[in-house]
Amino acid sequence: MGIDWKDGMAEFWGSAVLTWLVIGGSVGDGWIEWGMVLAVCWAAFKGAHILPVLTAGSMFNSQDWEGGMTKIGWQVGGAIGVGVLAAITGGDGVPYPELAEFNTDIGHWLTMLIGGGLVYMVWSNCDLDDLKGLGVAAFAVGMATVAGMALTGGADLGTNLSSLISGGSFHFDGFAMFLANTIVAGLGAVLAVKVNESL
């Protein structure tokens, strides 16, 4: 399969904007700001998932492994790009959310599993070309962040990697959490689709 550069650039720039505006603190990190930025990104970058948890849900359900992994790669690349740009321009960059250790709280993983399914079902059934659909999908993601879902997109891994440029260290717990959060949310999406089909 050839590289779909248009789709890749949509994921790259969508993730870059999300990382810069929300994770970087330019517009705040409340659920309203989070939802608004995502709505704008989904409208501006047609076809982009932007959040790896959504891509994982789509990938697990469609079993398009190559397409899904490519999208996640672009998403992480967009977050890395923000860190590289900050390093080049001498800015403070985007802070990496450091983790003391891998999260073993069962509540977190249940939230990721159930929330991943609910968010995916809302997002995948909304028409993102329509203002109402955009609003509903963005509201769902905003509410999921309030509930405690880790929905920071490719920034979790991207800012971890880009911190190496400024002499930082690679946080393996952060990498493990990025993978685990993405996979568990994707599995939640699979369960949600299966339950919906059985009704």
Protein backbone atom coordinates (compact mmCIF):
# COMPACT_ATOMS: atom_id res chain seq x y z
CA MET A 1 0.00 0.00 0.00
CA GLY A 2 1.37 3.40 -1.00
CA ILE A 3 1.61 6.29 1.42
CA ASP A 4 -1.48 8.50 1.44
CA TRP A 5 0.27 11.82 1.96
CA LYS A 6 -2.95 13.83 2.19
CA ASP A 7 -4.28 11.63 4.98
CA GLY A 8 -0.86 11.57 6.66
CA MET A 9 -0.52 15.34 6.61
CA ALA A 10 -4.03 15.69 8.05
CA GLU A 11 -3.05 13.47 10.99
CA PHE A 12 0.34 15.17 11.37
CA TRP A 13 -0.96 18.73 11.44
CA GLY A 14 -4.06 17.85 13.46
CA SER A 15 -1.87 16.26 16.13
CA ALA A 16 0.58 19.18 16.00
CA VAL A 17 -2.19 21.72 16.54
CA LEU A 18 -3.72 19.68 19.37
CA THR A 19 -0.34 19.29 21.08
CA TRP A 20 0.60 22.94 20.71
CA LEU A 21 -2.73 24.43 21.79
CA VAL A 22 -3.90 22.05 24.50
CA ILE A 23 -0.91 20.12 25.87
CA GLY A 24 1.26 23.22 25.53
CA GLY A 25 -1.29 25.22 27.51
CA SER A 26 -1.98 27.88 24.88
CA VAL A 27 -5.77 27.62 25.29
CA GLY A 28 -6.05 25.88 28.65
CA ASP A 29 -6.66 22.22 29.37
CA GLY A 30 -10.32 22.18 30.43
CA TRP A 31 -12.82 19.86 28.77
CA ILE A 32 -14.47 22.75 26.89
CA GLU A 33 -11.17 23.90 25.36
CA TRP A 34 -10.23 20.29 24.62
CA GLY A 35 -13.50 19.66 22.80
CA MET A 36 -13.39 22.94 20.89
CA VAL A 37 -9.85 22.39 19.62
CA LEU A 38 -10.71 18.85 18.53
CA ALA A 39 -13.85 20.05 16.73
CA VAL A 40 -11.82 22.66 14.85
CA CYS A 41 -9.11 20.11 13.99
CA TRP A 42 -11.62 17.52 12.76
CA ALA A 43 -13.29 20.19 10.61
CA ALA A 44 -10.01 21.53 9.25
CA PHE A 45 -8.24 18.21 8.65
CA LYS A 46 -10.83 16.05 6.92
CA GLY A 47 -10.58 12.34 7.63
CA ALA A 48 -8.06 12.75 10.45
CA HIS A 49 -8.65 10.83 13.67
CA ILE A 50 -6.00 12.87 15.55
CA LEU A 51 -6.36 10.75 18.71
CA PRO A 52 -4.54 7.38 18.72
CA VAL A 53 -7.30 5.84 20.87
CA LEU A 54 -9.81 6.52 18.09
CA THR A 55 -7.44 5.16 15.46
CA ALA A 56 -6.89 2.03 17.57
CA GLY A 57 -10.64 1.49 17.81
CA SER A 58 -11.02 1.87 14.06
CA MET A 59 -7.99 -0.34 13.37
CA PHE A 60 -9.10 -3.14 15.71
CA ASN A 61 -12.60 -3.17 14.25
CA SER A 62 -11.60 -2.95 10.57
CA GLN A 63 -8.38 -4.96 11.05
CA ASP A 64 -6.61 -2.49 8.77
CA TRP A 65 -3.36 -2.80 10.72
CA GLU A 66 -1.12 -1.05 8.21
CA GLY A 67 -3.44 1.90 7.76
CA GLY A 68 -4.02 2.26 11.49
CA MET A 69 -0.37 2.06 12.48
CA THR A 70 0.50 4.55 9.75
CA LYS A 71 -2.06 7.01 11.13
CA ILE A 72 -0.71 6.64 14.67
CA GLY A 73 2.80 7.18 13.34
CA TRP A 74 1.73 10.46 11.75
CA GLN A 75 -0.04 11.50 14.96
CA VAL A 76 3.07 10.90 17.06
CA GLY A 77 5.13 12.62 14.38
CA GLY A 78 2.99 15.75 14.66
CA ALA A 79 3.63 15.93 18.40
CA ILE A 80 7.36 15.38 17.86
CA GLY A 81 7.31 18.17 15.29
CA VAL A 82 6.05 20.64 17.88
CA GLY A 83 8.89 19.68 20.22
CA VAL A 84 11.49 19.97 17.45
CA LEU A 85 10.16 23.38 16.43
CA ALA A 86 10.34 24.57 20.03
CA ALA A 87 13.94 23.36 20.28
CA ILE A 88 14.92 25.12 17.04
CA THR A 89 13.30 28.42 18.02
CA GLY A 90 14.61 28.29 21.57
CA GLY A 91 11.17 28.12 23.14
CA ASP A 92 10.22 26.23 26.25
CA GLY A 93 8.59 23.53 24.18
CA VAL A 94 5.71 21.36 25.21
CA PRO A 95 5.92 19.90 28.70
CA TYR A 96 5.96 16.14 28.83
CA PRO A 97 3.53 14.80 31.46
CA GLU A 98 6.04 12.82 33.50
CA LEU A 99 4.88 9.62 35.19
CA ALA A 100 6.41 8.34 38.38
CA GLU A 101 5.40 4.77 37.57
CA PHE A 102 3.10 2.66 35.43
CA ASN A 103 -0.54 3.12 36.49
CA THR A 104 -1.81 -0.08 38.16
CA ASP A 105 -5.12 1.40 39.35
CA ILE A 106 -7.94 -0.84 38.08
CA GLY A 107 -10.22 2.21 37.98
CA HIS A 108 -8.01 3.84 35.34
CA TRP A 109 -8.09 0.78 33.10
CA LEU A 110 -11.84 0.30 33.45
CA THR A 111 -12.28 3.96 32.54
CA MET A 112 -10.09 3.50 29.46
CA LEU A 113 -11.92 0.31 28.43
CA ILE A 114 -15.49 1.53 28.94
CA GLY A 115 -14.74 5.11 27.94
CA GLY A 116 -12.88 3.94 24.86
CA GLY A 117 -15.96 2.06 23.73
CA LEU A 118 -18.39 4.88 24.43
CA VAL A 119 -16.24 7.60 22.83
CA TYR A 120 -15.59 5.45 19.77
CA MET A 121 -19.29 4.69 19.27
CA VAL A 122 -20.23 8.36 19.48
CA TRP A 123 -17.34 9.51 17.26
CA SER A 124 -17.81 6.80 14.63
CA ASN A 125 -21.54 7.44 14.36
CA CYS A 126 -21.28 11.23 14.07
CA ASP A 127 -21.10 13.00 10.73
CA LEU A 128 -17.98 15.11 11.20
CA ASP A 129 -18.83 17.08 8.05
CA ASP A 130 -21.86 18.44 9.90
CA LEU A 131 -21.63 21.07 12.65
CA LYS A 132 -23.97 19.11 14.93
CA GLY A 133 -21.95 15.93 14.46
CA LEU A 134 -18.74 17.78 15.24
CA GLY A 135 -20.25 19.25 18.36
CA VAL A 136 -21.55 15.94 19.67
CA ALA A 137 -18.25 14.12 19.02
CA ALA A 138 -16.22 16.92 20.63
CA PHE A 139 -18.59 17.01 23.63
CA ALA A 140 -18.18 13.23 24.07
CA VAL A 141 -14.39 13.52 24.11
CA GLY A 142 -14.58 16.45 26.52
CA MET A 143 -16.79 14.48 28.90
CA ALA A 144 -14.46 11.49 28.65
CA THR A 145 -11.54 13.64 29.81
CA VAL A 146 -13.62 14.78 32.78
CA ALA A 147 -14.27 11.09 33.59
CA GLY A 148 -10.51 10.52 33.66
CA MET A 149 -9.73 9.08 30.24
CA ALA A 150 -6.19 9.69 28.98
CA LEU A 151 -6.92 11.44 25.68
CA THR A 152 -3.80 13.49 25.13
CA GLY A 153 -3.23 12.02 21.70
CA GLY A 154 0.20 11.49 20.20
CA ALA A 155 1.58 14.04 22.64
CA ASP A 156 2.11 11.34 25.27
CA LEU A 157 4.77 9.67 23.16
CA GLY A 158 5.72 12.55 20.88
CA THR A 159 6.69 14.99 23.61
CA ASN A 160 8.52 12.17 25.40
CA LEU A 161 10.67 11.63 22.30
CA SER A 162 11.13 15.31 21.49
CA SER A 163 12.36 15.99 25.04
CA LEU A 164 15.53 14.08 24.09
CA ILE A 165 16.52 17.02 21.89
CA SER A 166 16.83 19.34 24.87
CA GLY A 167 18.83 16.84 26.91
CA GLY A 168 15.91 15.09 28.56
CA SER A 169 15.61 11.37 29.12
CA PHE A 170 13.26 8.85 27.58
CA HIS A 171 10.52 7.83 30.02
CA PHE A 172 9.79 4.13 29.51
CA ASP A 173 6.79 4.28 31.85
CA GLY A 174 5.36 7.03 29.66
CA PHE A 175 5.90 4.92 26.55
CA ALA A 176 4.30 1.90 28.21
CA MET A 177 1.32 3.97 29.34
CA PHE A 178 0.85 5.37 25.83
CA LEU A 179 0.77 1.86 24.37
CA ALA A 180 -1.43 0.41 27.09
CA ASN A 181 -3.93 3.30 27.04
CA THR A 182 -4.22 3.10 23.26
CA ILE A 183 -4.65 -0.68 23.21
CA VAL A 184 -7.16 -0.83 26.09
CA ALA A 185 -9.29 1.96 24.58
CA GLY A 186 -9.15 0.17 21.22
CA LEU A 187 -10.32 -3.07 22.85
CA GLY A 188 -13.15 -1.11 24.46
CA ALA A 189 -14.19 0.05 21.00
CA VAL A 190 -14.25 -3.55 19.77
CA LEU A 191 -16.42 -4.62 22.71
CA ALA A 192 -18.78 -1.69 22.16
CA VAL A 193 -19.22 -2.54 18.48
CA LYS A 194 -19.84 -6.22 19.29
CA VAL A 195 -22.45 -5.32 21.93
CA ASN A 196 -24.12 -2.88 19.54
CA GLU A 197 -24.27 -5.52 16.78
CA SER A 198 -25.81 -8.06 19.12
CA LEU A 199 -28.70 -5.77 20.11
